[in-house]
Amino acid sequence: MINVGNDWQPLFDIEQNKDYYLSLRQFLKSEYSTKIIYPPMNEIFNAFRLTPFNETKVIIVGQDPYHEPGQAMGLSFSVREGTPEPPSLQNIKKELKDEGFNEAHWSSDLSRWAKEGVLLLNSTLTVQAHRAASHAGKGWERFTDNAIKALGDDSRPKVFILWGSYARSKKALISSQSHLILESAHPSPLSAYRGFFGNGHFRKCNDFLIRTGQSPIAW
């Protein structure tokens, strides 16, 4: 059983006993023992470990982990320092620069954001090497949807950042009116010029956090 070591644990305790999760666990045991799966098993829940529930101020929803060697690290859009930046991450960096944030603060490893209260949550938490979305529909979506719903039901003001049609489909899970929901095209090169660039989301996010008495993110 998973122990994340913070106040996400009650959600884990509930979900890990459900039939869908037990089936998912058996599937993952087989996958990790017979194939190359990303991220490493001990990094699957990094988003939850680095960003406790009560410290979550911002949620950036991704879809699927990166599926090439050395990329996935359990945080949506993030790769370790020294790993070539995937195109979507390059476009996130460009938007930050265009919004006037200090480039010197940039790191492709977004762990610093996570520690500041940005939950970098992929909808599916594992993937087979070189096969995008290969673990979609196996149960992860139910688990991560329940996490998003728990955050959305909580009345403490948060910012939900939904890039692309898949992430935007999660809007229905966010019930409290106290949150800010920011939506746009995805930062992928296929769509970044159709509404991601110029969306101003990082500035809008920080403005909202300040208005609600919270510290802004040092993007």
N, C-alpha and C. Protein backbone atom coordinates (compact mmCIF):
# COMPACT_ATOMS: atom_id res chain seq x y z
N MET A 1 0.84 -1.20 0.00
CA MET A 1 0.00 0.00 0.00
C MET A 1 0.88 1.25 0.00
N ILE A 2 0.40 2.28 -0.68
CA ILE A 2 1.18 3.50 -0.83
C ILE A 2 1.01 4.39 0.41
N ASN A 3 2.15 4.92 0.88
CA ASN A 3 2.13 5.92 1.95
C ASN A 3 2.80 7.18 1.39
N VAL A 4 2.03 8.25 1.17
CA VAL A 4 2.60 9.46 0.58
C VAL A 4 3.18 10.40 1.62
N GLY A 5 2.92 10.15 2.90
CA GLY A 5 3.57 10.89 3.95
C GLY A 5 3.04 12.28 4.22
N ASN A 6 1.83 12.56 3.75
CA ASN A 6 1.23 13.87 4.05
C ASN A 6 -0.29 13.74 4.04
N ASP A 7 -0.98 14.88 3.98
CA ASP A 7 -2.43 14.85 4.15
C ASP A 7 -3.21 14.41 2.92
N TRP A 8 -2.52 13.93 1.89
CA TRP A 8 -3.20 13.21 0.80
C TRP A 8 -3.53 11.78 1.22
N GLN A 9 -2.94 11.32 2.31
CA GLN A 9 -3.06 9.91 2.66
C GLN A 9 -4.51 9.42 2.81
N PRO A 10 -5.43 10.20 3.41
CA PRO A 10 -6.81 9.71 3.50
C PRO A 10 -7.42 9.36 2.15
N LEU A 11 -7.14 10.17 1.11
CA LEU A 11 -7.63 9.85 -0.23
C LEU A 11 -7.03 8.54 -0.71
N PHE A 12 -5.73 8.37 -0.52
CA PHE A 12 -5.06 7.14 -0.93
C PHE A 12 -5.65 5.94 -0.20
N ASP A 13 -5.90 6.09 1.09
CA ASP A 13 -6.43 4.98 1.88
C ASP A 13 -7.79 4.54 1.36
N ILE A 14 -8.61 5.50 0.96
CA ILE A 14 -9.93 5.17 0.42
C ILE A 14 -9.82 4.52 -0.95
N GLU A 15 -9.06 5.15 -1.84
CA GLU A 15 -9.01 4.68 -3.23
C GLU A 15 -8.31 3.33 -3.35
N GLN A 16 -7.27 3.10 -2.54
CA GLN A 16 -6.50 1.87 -2.69
C GLN A 16 -7.27 0.61 -2.33
N ASN A 17 -8.41 0.77 -1.68
CA ASN A 17 -9.22 -0.39 -1.32
C ASN A 17 -10.36 -0.65 -2.30
N LYS A 18 -10.48 0.17 -3.33
CA LYS A 18 -11.55 0.01 -4.30
C LYS A 18 -11.13 -0.99 -5.39
N ASP A 19 -12.12 -1.65 -5.95
CA ASP A 19 -11.84 -2.70 -6.94
C ASP A 19 -11.05 -2.18 -8.12
N TYR A 20 -11.39 -0.98 -8.61
CA TYR A 20 -10.70 -0.46 -9.79
C TYR A 20 -9.21 -0.28 -9.51
N TYR A 21 -8.88 0.17 -8.28
CA TYR A 21 -7.48 0.41 -7.94
C TYR A 21 -6.72 -0.90 -7.77
N LEU A 22 -7.38 -1.89 -7.19
CA LEU A 22 -6.74 -3.20 -7.05
C LEU A 22 -6.44 -3.80 -8.42
N SER A 23 -7.35 -3.60 -9.37
CA SER A 23 -7.10 -4.06 -10.75
C SER A 23 -5.96 -3.28 -11.38
N LEU A 24 -5.94 -1.96 -11.16
CA LEU A 24 -4.86 -1.13 -11.68
C LEU A 24 -3.52 -1.57 -11.10
N ARG A 25 -3.50 -1.87 -9.83
CA ARG A 25 -2.26 -2.28 -9.18
C ARG A 25 -1.72 -3.57 -9.78
N GLN A 26 -2.59 -4.53 -10.04
CA GLN A 26 -2.17 -5.79 -10.67
C GLN A 26 -1.64 -5.55 -12.07
N PHE A 27 -2.33 -4.69 -12.81
CA PHE A 27 -1.88 -4.32 -14.16
C PHE A 27 -0.47 -3.71 -14.11
N LEU A 28 -0.24 -2.80 -13.17
CA LEU A 28 1.06 -2.14 -13.08
C LEU A 28 2.16 -3.10 -12.67
N LYS A 29 1.85 -4.03 -11.77
CA LYS A 29 2.85 -5.02 -11.39
C LYS A 29 3.34 -5.80 -12.60
N SER A 30 2.39 -6.19 -13.44
CA SER A 30 2.74 -6.93 -14.65
C SER A 30 3.52 -6.06 -15.63
N GLU A 31 3.08 -4.82 -15.80
CA GLU A 31 3.73 -3.92 -16.76
C GLU A 31 5.17 -3.61 -16.34
N TYR A 32 5.36 -3.27 -15.07
CA TYR A 32 6.71 -2.92 -14.61
C TYR A 32 7.65 -4.11 -14.63
N SER A 33 7.12 -5.32 -14.50
CA SER A 33 7.99 -6.51 -14.48
C SER A 33 8.31 -7.03 -15.88
N THR A 34 7.55 -6.60 -16.88
CA THR A 34 7.75 -7.17 -18.22
C THR A 34 8.09 -6.14 -19.30
N LYS A 35 7.93 -4.84 -19.01
CA LYS A 35 8.15 -3.81 -20.01
C LYS A 35 8.88 -2.63 -19.40
N ILE A 36 9.27 -1.69 -20.24
CA ILE A 36 9.86 -0.45 -19.75
C ILE A 36 8.73 0.54 -19.54
N ILE A 37 8.56 0.97 -18.29
CA ILE A 37 7.46 1.85 -17.91
C ILE A 37 8.04 3.11 -17.28
N TYR A 38 7.45 4.24 -17.60
CA TYR A 38 7.86 5.52 -17.00
C TYR A 38 6.69 6.10 -16.21
N PRO A 39 6.97 6.89 -15.16
CA PRO A 39 8.28 7.11 -14.56
C PRO A 39 8.71 5.90 -13.75
N PRO A 40 9.91 5.92 -13.15
CA PRO A 40 10.28 4.84 -12.24
C PRO A 40 9.20 4.67 -11.17
N MET A 41 9.04 3.45 -10.71
CA MET A 41 7.93 3.15 -9.80
C MET A 41 7.91 4.05 -8.56
N ASN A 42 9.09 4.41 -8.05
CA ASN A 42 9.13 5.21 -6.83
C ASN A 42 8.85 6.69 -7.08
N GLU A 43 8.60 7.07 -8.34
CA GLU A 43 8.31 8.46 -8.67
C GLU A 43 6.87 8.67 -9.16
N ILE A 44 6.08 7.61 -9.20
CA ILE A 44 4.73 7.70 -9.75
C ILE A 44 3.93 8.80 -9.04
N PHE A 45 4.06 8.87 -7.72
CA PHE A 45 3.22 9.78 -6.93
C PHE A 45 3.96 11.04 -6.48
N ASN A 46 4.98 11.44 -7.23
CA ASN A 46 5.76 12.62 -6.84
C ASN A 46 4.90 13.87 -6.68
N ALA A 47 3.91 14.05 -7.55
CA ALA A 47 3.07 15.26 -7.46
C ALA A 47 2.40 15.34 -6.09
N PHE A 48 1.91 14.23 -5.60
CA PHE A 48 1.23 14.21 -4.31
C PHE A 48 2.23 14.36 -3.16
N ARG A 49 3.38 13.75 -3.30
CA ARG A 49 4.38 13.81 -2.22
C ARG A 49 4.94 15.23 -2.05
N LEU A 50 5.13 15.92 -3.16
CA LEU A 50 5.76 17.25 -3.11
C LEU A 50 4.76 18.36 -2.79
N THR A 51 3.47 18.11 -3.04
CA THR A 51 2.46 19.17 -2.85
C THR A 51 1.32 18.63 -1.99
N PRO A 52 1.41 18.79 -0.68
CA PRO A 52 0.33 18.31 0.19
C PRO A 52 -1.00 18.98 -0.14
N PHE A 53 -2.09 18.30 0.17
CA PHE A 53 -3.44 18.79 -0.13
C PHE A 53 -3.66 20.20 0.42
N ASN A 54 -3.37 20.40 1.70
CA ASN A 54 -3.65 21.68 2.34
C ASN A 54 -2.69 22.80 1.92
N GLU A 55 -1.65 22.44 1.18
CA GLU A 55 -0.72 23.45 0.68
C GLU A 55 -0.91 23.71 -0.81
N THR A 56 -1.86 23.01 -1.44
CA THR A 56 -2.08 23.17 -2.87
C THR A 56 -2.81 24.48 -3.15
N LYS A 57 -2.18 25.33 -3.95
CA LYS A 57 -2.77 26.62 -4.33
C LYS A 57 -3.13 26.67 -5.81
N VAL A 58 -2.37 25.89 -6.60
CA VAL A 58 -2.52 25.90 -8.06
C VAL A 58 -2.48 24.45 -8.53
N ILE A 59 -3.34 24.12 -9.49
CA ILE A 59 -3.35 22.79 -10.08
C ILE A 59 -3.16 22.94 -11.58
N ILE A 60 -2.09 22.35 -12.11
CA ILE A 60 -1.87 22.32 -13.56
C ILE A 60 -2.09 20.89 -14.02
N VAL A 61 -3.13 20.68 -14.81
CA VAL A 61 -3.54 19.34 -15.22
C VAL A 61 -2.89 18.95 -16.53
N GLY A 62 -2.14 17.86 -16.51
CA GLY A 62 -1.60 17.27 -17.72
C GLY A 62 -2.38 16.01 -18.07
N GLN A 63 -1.98 15.37 -19.16
CA GLN A 63 -2.71 14.18 -19.60
C GLN A 63 -1.94 12.90 -19.36
N ASP A 64 -0.72 12.83 -19.85
CA ASP A 64 0.03 11.58 -19.91
C ASP A 64 1.50 11.89 -19.59
N PRO A 65 2.21 11.01 -18.89
CA PRO A 65 3.65 11.25 -18.68
C PRO A 65 4.40 11.22 -20.02
N TYR A 66 5.54 11.89 -20.04
CA TYR A 66 6.44 11.75 -21.19
C TYR A 66 6.83 10.29 -21.32
N HIS A 67 7.01 9.84 -22.56
CA HIS A 67 7.23 8.40 -22.77
C HIS A 67 8.58 8.05 -23.40
N GLU A 68 9.52 9.00 -23.35
CA GLU A 68 10.87 8.71 -23.84
C GLU A 68 11.84 8.64 -22.65
N PRO A 69 12.99 7.98 -22.83
CA PRO A 69 13.91 7.74 -21.71
C PRO A 69 14.32 9.01 -20.98
N GLY A 70 14.32 8.94 -19.65
CA GLY A 70 14.83 10.00 -18.81
C GLY A 70 13.94 11.22 -18.66
N GLN A 71 12.72 11.17 -19.20
CA GLN A 71 11.87 12.35 -19.16
C GLN A 71 10.90 12.36 -17.98
N ALA A 72 10.03 11.38 -17.89
CA ALA A 72 8.97 11.41 -16.87
C ALA A 72 9.55 11.34 -15.46
N MET A 73 9.01 12.20 -14.59
CA MET A 73 9.48 12.24 -13.20
C MET A 73 8.34 12.39 -12.21
N GLY A 74 7.12 12.11 -12.67
CA GLY A 74 5.97 12.14 -11.78
C GLY A 74 5.34 13.50 -11.60
N LEU A 75 5.76 14.48 -12.40
CA LEU A 75 5.19 15.83 -12.37
C LEU A 75 4.81 16.22 -13.79
N SER A 76 3.60 16.70 -14.00
CA SER A 76 3.19 17.07 -15.35
C SER A 76 4.10 18.15 -15.92
N PHE A 77 4.50 17.96 -17.17
CA PHE A 77 5.31 18.88 -17.97
C PHE A 77 6.78 18.96 -17.56
N SER A 78 7.16 18.39 -16.44
CA SER A 78 8.51 18.57 -15.89
C SER A 78 9.48 17.50 -16.36
N VAL A 79 10.73 17.91 -16.59
CA VAL A 79 11.84 16.97 -16.79
C VAL A 79 13.02 17.43 -15.95
N ARG A 80 13.92 16.51 -15.63
CA ARG A 80 15.07 16.88 -14.81
C ARG A 80 16.02 17.81 -15.56
N GLU A 81 16.75 18.59 -14.79
CA GLU A 81 17.80 19.44 -15.36
C GLU A 81 18.76 18.57 -16.17
N GLY A 82 19.14 19.06 -17.34
CA GLY A 82 20.05 18.32 -18.19
C GLY A 82 19.36 17.45 -19.22
N THR A 83 18.06 17.21 -19.02
CA THR A 83 17.28 16.47 -20.00
C THR A 83 16.77 17.47 -21.05
N PRO A 84 16.89 17.17 -22.33
CA PRO A 84 16.37 18.10 -23.34
C PRO A 84 14.90 18.42 -23.06
N GLU A 85 14.55 19.69 -23.15
CA GLU A 85 13.20 20.12 -22.83
C GLU A 85 12.23 19.74 -23.96
N PRO A 86 11.17 18.99 -23.65
CA PRO A 86 10.16 18.69 -24.66
C PRO A 86 9.52 19.98 -25.18
N PRO A 87 8.96 19.94 -26.39
CA PRO A 87 8.41 21.16 -27.00
C PRO A 87 7.37 21.88 -26.15
N SER A 88 6.48 21.16 -25.49
CA SER A 88 5.46 21.82 -24.66
C SER A 88 6.12 22.61 -23.53
N LEU A 89 7.16 22.04 -22.93
CA LEU A 89 7.86 22.71 -21.84
C LEU A 89 8.60 23.94 -22.36
N GLN A 90 9.17 23.84 -23.54
CA GLN A 90 9.82 25.00 -24.16
C GLN A 90 8.81 26.13 -24.36
N ASN A 91 7.60 25.79 -24.75
CA ASN A 91 6.58 26.81 -24.98
C ASN A 91 6.08 27.42 -23.66
N ILE A 92 6.04 26.62 -22.61
CA ILE A 92 5.71 27.16 -21.28
C ILE A 92 6.77 28.18 -20.88
N LYS A 93 8.03 27.84 -21.10
CA LYS A 93 9.12 28.77 -20.78
C LYS A 93 8.99 30.06 -21.59
N LYS A 94 8.64 29.93 -22.86
CA LYS A 94 8.48 31.12 -23.71
C LYS A 94 7.35 32.02 -23.20
N GLU A 95 6.23 31.42 -22.81
CA GLU A 95 5.11 32.20 -22.30
C GLU A 95 5.49 32.92 -21.00
N LEU A 96 6.21 32.23 -20.13
CA LEU A 96 6.67 32.87 -18.90
C LEU A 96 7.55 34.09 -19.20
N LYS A 97 8.45 33.92 -20.15
CA LYS A 97 9.33 35.03 -20.54
C LYS A 97 8.50 36.18 -21.10
N ASP A 98 7.53 35.85 -21.97
CA ASP A 98 6.69 36.89 -22.57
C ASP A 98 5.84 37.62 -21.54
N GLU A 99 5.51 36.93 -20.43
CA GLU A 99 4.74 37.57 -19.36
C GLU A 99 5.63 38.38 -18.42
N GLY A 100 6.94 38.35 -18.67
CA GLY A 100 7.86 39.19 -17.91
C GLY A 100 8.50 38.54 -16.70
N PHE A 101 8.38 37.23 -16.57
CA PHE A 101 9.01 36.56 -15.45
C PHE A 101 10.50 36.38 -15.70
N ASN A 102 11.26 36.37 -14.63
CA ASN A 102 12.72 36.34 -14.70
C ASN A 102 13.20 34.99 -15.23
N GLU A 103 13.87 35.04 -16.38
CA GLU A 103 14.36 33.80 -16.98
C GLU A 103 15.39 33.09 -16.10
N ALA A 104 16.06 33.86 -15.25
CA ALA A 104 17.08 33.27 -14.39
C ALA A 104 16.48 32.28 -13.40
N HIS A 105 15.17 32.41 -13.13
CA HIS A 105 14.50 31.49 -12.20
C HIS A 105 14.15 30.16 -12.85
N TRP A 106 14.26 30.09 -14.17
CA TRP A 106 13.74 28.93 -14.88
C TRP A 106 14.54 27.67 -14.61
N SER A 107 13.84 26.58 -14.44
CA SER A 107 14.42 25.24 -14.44
C SER A 107 13.44 24.31 -15.11
N SER A 108 13.94 23.41 -15.94
CA SER A 108 13.06 22.42 -16.56
C SER A 108 12.50 21.44 -15.53
N ASP A 109 13.18 21.33 -14.39
CA ASP A 109 12.69 20.54 -13.27
C ASP A 109 11.74 21.43 -12.47
N LEU A 110 10.47 21.13 -12.54
CA LEU A 110 9.45 21.99 -11.93
C LEU A 110 9.17 21.64 -10.47
N SER A 111 10.06 20.89 -9.86
CA SER A 111 9.89 20.52 -8.45
C SER A 111 9.74 21.75 -7.57
N ARG A 112 10.44 22.82 -7.91
CA ARG A 112 10.34 24.04 -7.10
C ARG A 112 8.92 24.56 -7.10
N TRP A 113 8.26 24.54 -8.27
CA TRP A 113 6.85 24.94 -8.31
C TRP A 113 6.02 24.06 -7.39
N ALA A 114 6.27 22.74 -7.47
CA ALA A 114 5.49 21.78 -6.67
C ALA A 114 5.64 22.10 -5.18
N LYS A 115 6.84 22.45 -4.76
CA LYS A 115 7.09 22.75 -3.34
C LYS A 115 6.47 24.08 -2.93
N GLU A 116 6.14 24.93 -3.91
CA GLU A 116 5.48 26.20 -3.61
C GLU A 116 3.95 26.08 -3.62
N GLY A 117 3.45 24.88 -3.91
CA GLY A 117 2.00 24.70 -3.88
C GLY A 117 1.35 24.49 -5.22
N VAL A 118 2.14 24.17 -6.25
CA VAL A 118 1.59 23.91 -7.58
C VAL A 118 1.53 22.39 -7.78
N LEU A 119 0.32 21.85 -7.78
CA LEU A 119 0.15 20.41 -8.01
C LEU A 119 0.24 20.15 -9.51
N LEU A 120 1.29 19.46 -9.91
CA LEU A 120 1.56 19.17 -11.33
C LEU A 120 1.06 17.76 -11.61
N LEU A 121 -0.22 17.66 -11.92
CA LEU A 121 -0.91 16.37 -11.92
C LEU A 121 -1.27 15.91 -13.33
N ASN A 122 -0.66 14.82 -13.75
CA ASN A 122 -1.13 14.15 -14.97
C ASN A 122 -2.37 13.33 -14.65
N SER A 123 -3.24 13.20 -15.62
CA SER A 123 -4.45 12.41 -15.43
C SER A 123 -4.11 10.92 -15.37
N THR A 124 -3.17 10.49 -16.20
CA THR A 124 -2.66 9.13 -16.18
C THR A 124 -1.24 9.20 -15.64
N LEU A 125 -0.89 8.38 -14.69
CA LEU A 125 0.38 8.56 -13.97
C LEU A 125 1.52 7.67 -14.45
N THR A 126 1.23 6.75 -15.37
CA THR A 126 2.29 5.89 -15.90
C THR A 126 2.08 5.71 -17.40
N VAL A 127 3.15 5.24 -18.08
CA VAL A 127 3.08 5.05 -19.53
C VAL A 127 4.16 4.06 -19.95
N GLN A 128 3.88 3.29 -21.00
CA GLN A 128 4.87 2.39 -21.56
C GLN A 128 5.83 3.18 -22.45
N ALA A 129 7.09 2.81 -22.43
CA ALA A 129 8.09 3.50 -23.23
C ALA A 129 7.67 3.58 -24.69
N HIS A 130 7.80 4.76 -25.26
CA HIS A 130 7.56 5.03 -26.68
C HIS A 130 6.10 4.87 -27.11
N ARG A 131 5.19 4.72 -26.16
CA ARG A 131 3.79 4.49 -26.51
C ARG A 131 2.89 5.45 -25.73
N ALA A 132 2.65 6.60 -26.31
CA ALA A 132 1.81 7.60 -25.65
C ALA A 132 0.44 7.03 -25.34
N ALA A 133 -0.07 7.38 -24.17
CA ALA A 133 -1.42 7.00 -23.73
C ALA A 133 -1.61 5.49 -23.60
N SER A 134 -0.53 4.75 -23.48
CA SER A 134 -0.64 3.28 -23.40
C SER A 134 -1.25 2.80 -22.10
N HIS A 135 -1.26 3.64 -21.07
CA HIS A 135 -1.90 3.27 -19.80
C HIS A 135 -3.19 4.04 -19.56
N ALA A 136 -3.68 4.69 -20.60
CA ALA A 136 -4.98 5.37 -20.47
C ALA A 136 -6.08 4.33 -20.36
N GLY A 137 -7.11 4.65 -19.60
CA GLY A 137 -8.25 3.76 -19.47
C GLY A 137 -8.03 2.55 -18.58
N LYS A 138 -6.95 2.56 -17.80
CA LYS A 138 -6.66 1.43 -16.91
C LYS A 138 -7.06 1.69 -15.46
N GLY A 139 -7.52 2.90 -15.17
CA GLY A 139 -7.95 3.21 -13.81
C GLY A 139 -7.36 4.49 -13.24
N TRP A 140 -6.24 4.92 -13.79
CA TRP A 140 -5.61 6.15 -13.27
C TRP A 140 -6.55 7.35 -13.32
N GLU A 141 -7.33 7.46 -14.39
CA GLU A 141 -8.19 8.64 -14.54
C GLU A 141 -9.19 8.74 -13.39
N ARG A 142 -9.69 7.63 -12.94
CA ARG A 142 -10.63 7.65 -11.82
C ARG A 142 -9.93 8.15 -10.56
N PHE A 143 -8.71 7.69 -10.35
CA PHE A 143 -7.95 8.11 -9.18
C PHE A 143 -7.66 9.61 -9.21
N THR A 144 -7.14 10.10 -10.33
CA THR A 144 -6.77 11.51 -10.40
C THR A 144 -8.00 12.41 -10.48
N ASP A 145 -9.08 11.94 -11.10
CA ASP A 145 -10.33 12.71 -11.08
C ASP A 145 -10.82 12.92 -9.66
N ASN A 146 -10.70 11.89 -8.83
CA ASN A 146 -11.15 12.01 -7.44
C ASN A 146 -10.27 13.00 -6.67
N ALA A 147 -8.99 13.05 -7.02
CA ALA A 147 -8.10 14.04 -6.39
C ALA A 147 -8.50 15.45 -6.80
N ILE A 148 -8.75 15.65 -8.10
CA ILE A 148 -9.18 16.97 -8.59
C ILE A 148 -10.51 17.37 -7.95
N LYS A 149 -11.41 16.41 -7.86
CA LYS A 149 -12.72 16.70 -7.27
C LYS A 149 -12.58 17.10 -5.80
N ALA A 150 -11.71 16.42 -5.07
CA ALA A 150 -11.50 16.76 -3.66
C ALA A 150 -10.98 18.19 -3.53
N LEU A 151 -10.07 18.59 -4.41
CA LEU A 151 -9.56 19.96 -4.40
C LEU A 151 -10.64 20.94 -4.82
N GLY A 152 -11.44 20.56 -5.81
CA GLY A 152 -12.50 21.43 -6.29
C GLY A 152 -13.62 21.62 -5.29
N ASP A 153 -13.86 20.61 -4.46
CA ASP A 153 -14.90 20.71 -3.42
C ASP A 153 -14.44 21.55 -2.24
N ASP A 154 -13.14 21.64 -2.05
CA ASP A 154 -12.58 22.40 -0.93
C ASP A 154 -12.73 23.89 -1.22
N SER A 155 -13.25 24.64 -0.27
CA SER A 155 -13.60 26.05 -0.53
C SER A 155 -12.42 27.01 -0.49
N ARG A 156 -11.27 26.56 -0.02
CA ARG A 156 -10.12 27.46 0.00
C ARG A 156 -9.73 27.81 -1.44
N PRO A 157 -9.59 29.10 -1.76
CA PRO A 157 -9.40 29.51 -3.16
C PRO A 157 -8.14 28.90 -3.79
N LYS A 158 -8.34 28.35 -4.96
CA LYS A 158 -7.25 27.75 -5.72
C LYS A 158 -7.37 28.17 -7.18
N VAL A 159 -6.31 27.96 -7.93
CA VAL A 159 -6.31 28.23 -9.36
C VAL A 159 -6.16 26.90 -10.09
N PHE A 160 -7.11 26.60 -10.95
CA PHE A 160 -7.05 25.41 -11.80
C PHE A 160 -6.66 25.85 -13.20
N ILE A 161 -5.52 25.38 -13.68
CA ILE A 161 -5.01 25.74 -15.00
C ILE A 161 -5.22 24.56 -15.93
N LEU A 162 -6.08 24.77 -16.92
CA LEU A 162 -6.51 23.69 -17.82
C LEU A 162 -6.11 24.04 -19.25
N TRP A 163 -5.07 23.40 -19.75
CA TRP A 163 -4.56 23.66 -21.10
C TRP A 163 -4.95 22.52 -22.03
N GLY A 164 -5.69 22.82 -23.06
CA GLY A 164 -6.08 21.81 -24.02
C GLY A 164 -7.42 21.19 -23.69
N SER A 165 -8.03 20.60 -24.69
CA SER A 165 -9.41 20.09 -24.54
C SER A 165 -9.50 18.99 -23.50
N TYR A 166 -8.46 18.16 -23.38
CA TYR A 166 -8.53 17.08 -22.39
C TYR A 166 -8.56 17.65 -20.99
N ALA A 167 -7.63 18.55 -20.68
CA ALA A 167 -7.61 19.16 -19.35
C ALA A 167 -8.89 19.95 -19.09
N ARG A 168 -9.39 20.61 -20.10
CA ARG A 168 -10.60 21.42 -19.93
C ARG A 168 -11.81 20.55 -19.61
N SER A 169 -11.76 19.29 -19.99
CA SER A 169 -12.87 18.38 -19.68
C SER A 169 -12.98 18.13 -18.17
N LYS A 170 -11.93 18.45 -17.43
CA LYS A 170 -11.94 18.25 -15.98
C LYS A 170 -12.67 19.38 -15.24
N LYS A 171 -13.06 20.40 -15.96
CA LYS A 171 -13.74 21.54 -15.34
C LYS A 171 -14.99 21.10 -14.58
N ALA A 172 -15.66 20.07 -15.08
CA ALA A 172 -16.90 19.59 -14.44
C ALA A 172 -16.65 19.05 -13.04
N LEU A 173 -15.40 18.74 -12.70
CA LEU A 173 -15.08 18.20 -11.38
C LEU A 173 -14.91 19.28 -10.32
N ILE A 174 -14.88 20.54 -10.75
CA ILE A 174 -14.55 21.64 -9.84
C ILE A 174 -15.84 22.33 -9.42
N SER A 175 -16.27 22.08 -8.19
CA SER A 175 -17.61 22.52 -7.80
C SER A 175 -17.63 23.86 -7.08
N SER A 176 -16.63 24.15 -6.25
CA SER A 176 -16.68 25.37 -5.45
C SER A 176 -16.53 26.61 -6.32
N GLN A 177 -17.31 27.64 -5.99
CA GLN A 177 -17.26 28.89 -6.74
C GLN A 177 -16.10 29.78 -6.30
N SER A 178 -15.34 29.34 -5.32
CA SER A 178 -14.27 30.18 -4.79
C SER A 178 -12.98 30.10 -5.61
N HIS A 179 -12.95 29.20 -6.58
CA HIS A 179 -11.72 28.98 -7.35
C HIS A 179 -11.70 29.80 -8.64
N LEU A 180 -10.49 30.00 -9.15
CA LEU A 180 -10.29 30.58 -10.48
C LEU A 180 -9.93 29.47 -11.44
N ILE A 181 -10.65 29.38 -12.55
CA ILE A 181 -10.36 28.37 -13.57
C ILE A 181 -9.83 29.10 -14.80
N LEU A 182 -8.62 28.76 -15.21
CA LEU A 182 -7.98 29.36 -16.38
C LEU A 182 -7.90 28.30 -17.47
N GLU A 183 -8.44 28.61 -18.64
CA GLU A 183 -8.49 27.66 -19.75
C GLU A 183 -7.86 28.26 -20.99
N SER A 184 -7.18 27.43 -21.76
CA SER A 184 -6.65 27.88 -23.05
C SER A 184 -6.25 26.66 -23.87
N ALA A 185 -5.70 26.93 -25.04
CA ALA A 185 -5.11 25.86 -25.85
C ALA A 185 -3.92 25.26 -25.11
N HIS A 186 -3.51 24.09 -25.55
CA HIS A 186 -2.38 23.37 -24.97
C HIS A 186 -1.06 23.99 -25.44
N PRO A 187 0.01 23.90 -24.63
CA PRO A 187 1.30 24.44 -25.07
C PRO A 187 2.02 23.61 -26.12
N SER A 188 1.44 22.52 -26.54
CA SER A 188 2.03 21.73 -27.62
C SER A 188 2.24 22.59 -28.86
N PRO A 189 3.30 22.34 -29.63
CA PRO A 189 3.51 23.10 -30.88
C PRO A 189 2.32 23.02 -31.84
N LEU A 190 1.51 21.98 -31.70
CA LEU A 190 0.35 21.83 -32.59
C LEU A 190 -0.74 22.85 -32.29
N SER A 191 -0.73 23.39 -31.06
CA SER A 191 -1.83 24.28 -30.69
C SER A 191 -1.41 25.56 -29.98
N ALA A 192 -0.13 25.69 -29.65
CA ALA A 192 0.31 26.82 -28.83
C ALA A 192 -0.05 28.17 -29.44
N TYR A 193 0.01 28.25 -30.77
CA TYR A 193 -0.29 29.52 -31.44
C TYR A 193 -1.79 29.75 -31.62
N ARG A 194 -2.59 28.81 -31.14
CA ARG A 194 -4.05 28.96 -31.23
C ARG A 194 -4.66 29.33 -29.88
N GLY A 195 -3.88 29.99 -29.04
CA GLY A 195 -4.46 30.47 -27.79
C GLY A 195 -3.65 30.24 -26.53
N PHE A 196 -2.57 29.43 -26.62
CA PHE A 196 -1.73 29.29 -25.43
C PHE A 196 -0.84 30.51 -25.27
N PHE A 197 -0.11 30.84 -26.32
CA PHE A 197 0.74 32.03 -26.25
C PHE A 197 -0.13 33.26 -26.06
N GLY A 198 0.24 34.05 -25.07
CA GLY A 198 -0.52 35.27 -24.79
C GLY A 198 -1.68 35.08 -23.84
N ASN A 199 -1.84 33.88 -23.29
CA ASN A 199 -2.99 33.67 -22.40
C ASN A 199 -2.82 34.37 -21.04
N GLY A 200 -1.60 34.73 -20.70
CA GLY A 200 -1.37 35.46 -19.45
C GLY A 200 -1.68 34.69 -18.19
N HIS A 201 -1.69 33.38 -18.27
CA HIS A 201 -2.15 32.57 -17.14
C HIS A 201 -1.28 32.71 -15.90
N PHE A 202 0.02 32.84 -16.08
CA PHE A 202 0.90 32.90 -14.91
C PHE A 202 0.69 34.19 -14.14
N ARG A 203 0.50 35.30 -14.85
CA ARG A 203 0.19 36.57 -14.19
C ARG A 203 -1.20 36.54 -13.56
N LYS A 204 -2.18 36.03 -14.29
CA LYS A 204 -3.54 35.96 -13.76
C LYS A 204 -3.60 35.09 -12.51
N CYS A 205 -2.85 34.01 -12.53
CA CYS A 205 -2.79 33.12 -11.37
C CYS A 205 -2.26 33.87 -10.16
N ASN A 206 -1.14 34.54 -10.32
CA ASN A 206 -0.54 35.24 -9.18
C ASN A 206 -1.40 36.39 -8.70
N ASP A 207 -2.05 37.10 -9.62
CA ASP A 207 -2.95 38.18 -9.21
C ASP A 207 -4.07 37.64 -8.33
N PHE A 208 -4.61 36.49 -8.70
CA PHE A 208 -5.69 35.87 -7.91
C PHE A 208 -5.18 35.43 -6.55
N LEU A 209 -4.00 34.83 -6.51
CA LEU A 209 -3.45 34.39 -5.23
C LEU A 209 -3.25 35.58 -4.29
N ILE A 210 -2.75 36.67 -4.82
CA ILE A 210 -2.54 37.86 -3.99
C ILE A 210 -3.88 38.41 -3.50
N ARG A 211 -4.87 38.45 -4.41
CA ARG A 211 -6.20 38.96 -4.02
C ARG A 211 -6.84 38.13 -2.93
N THR A 212 -6.53 36.86 -2.89
CA THR A 212 -7.13 35.97 -1.89
C THR A 212 -6.21 35.74 -0.70
N GLY A 213 -5.21 36.62 -0.53
CA GLY A 213 -4.37 36.59 0.65
C GLY A 213 -3.31 35.52 0.67
N GLN A 214 -2.93 35.02 -0.50
CA GLN A 214 -1.93 33.96 -0.59
C GLN A 214 -0.66 34.50 -1.26
N SER A 215 0.44 33.83 -1.01
CA SER A 215 1.69 34.26 -1.63
C SER A 215 1.71 33.81 -3.09
N PRO A 216 2.20 34.66 -3.99
CA PRO A 216 2.27 34.30 -5.40
C PRO A 216 3.36 33.24 -5.64
N ILE A 217 3.27 32.59 -6.78
CA ILE A 217 4.27 31.59 -7.17
C ILE A 217 5.46 32.30 -7.82
N ALA A 218 6.66 31.93 -7.44
CA ALA A 218 7.87 32.46 -8.07
C ALA A 218 8.15 31.66 -9.34
N TRP A 219 7.32 31.92 -10.34
CA TRP A 219 7.42 31.16 -11.59
C TRP A 219 8.83 31.20 -12.17
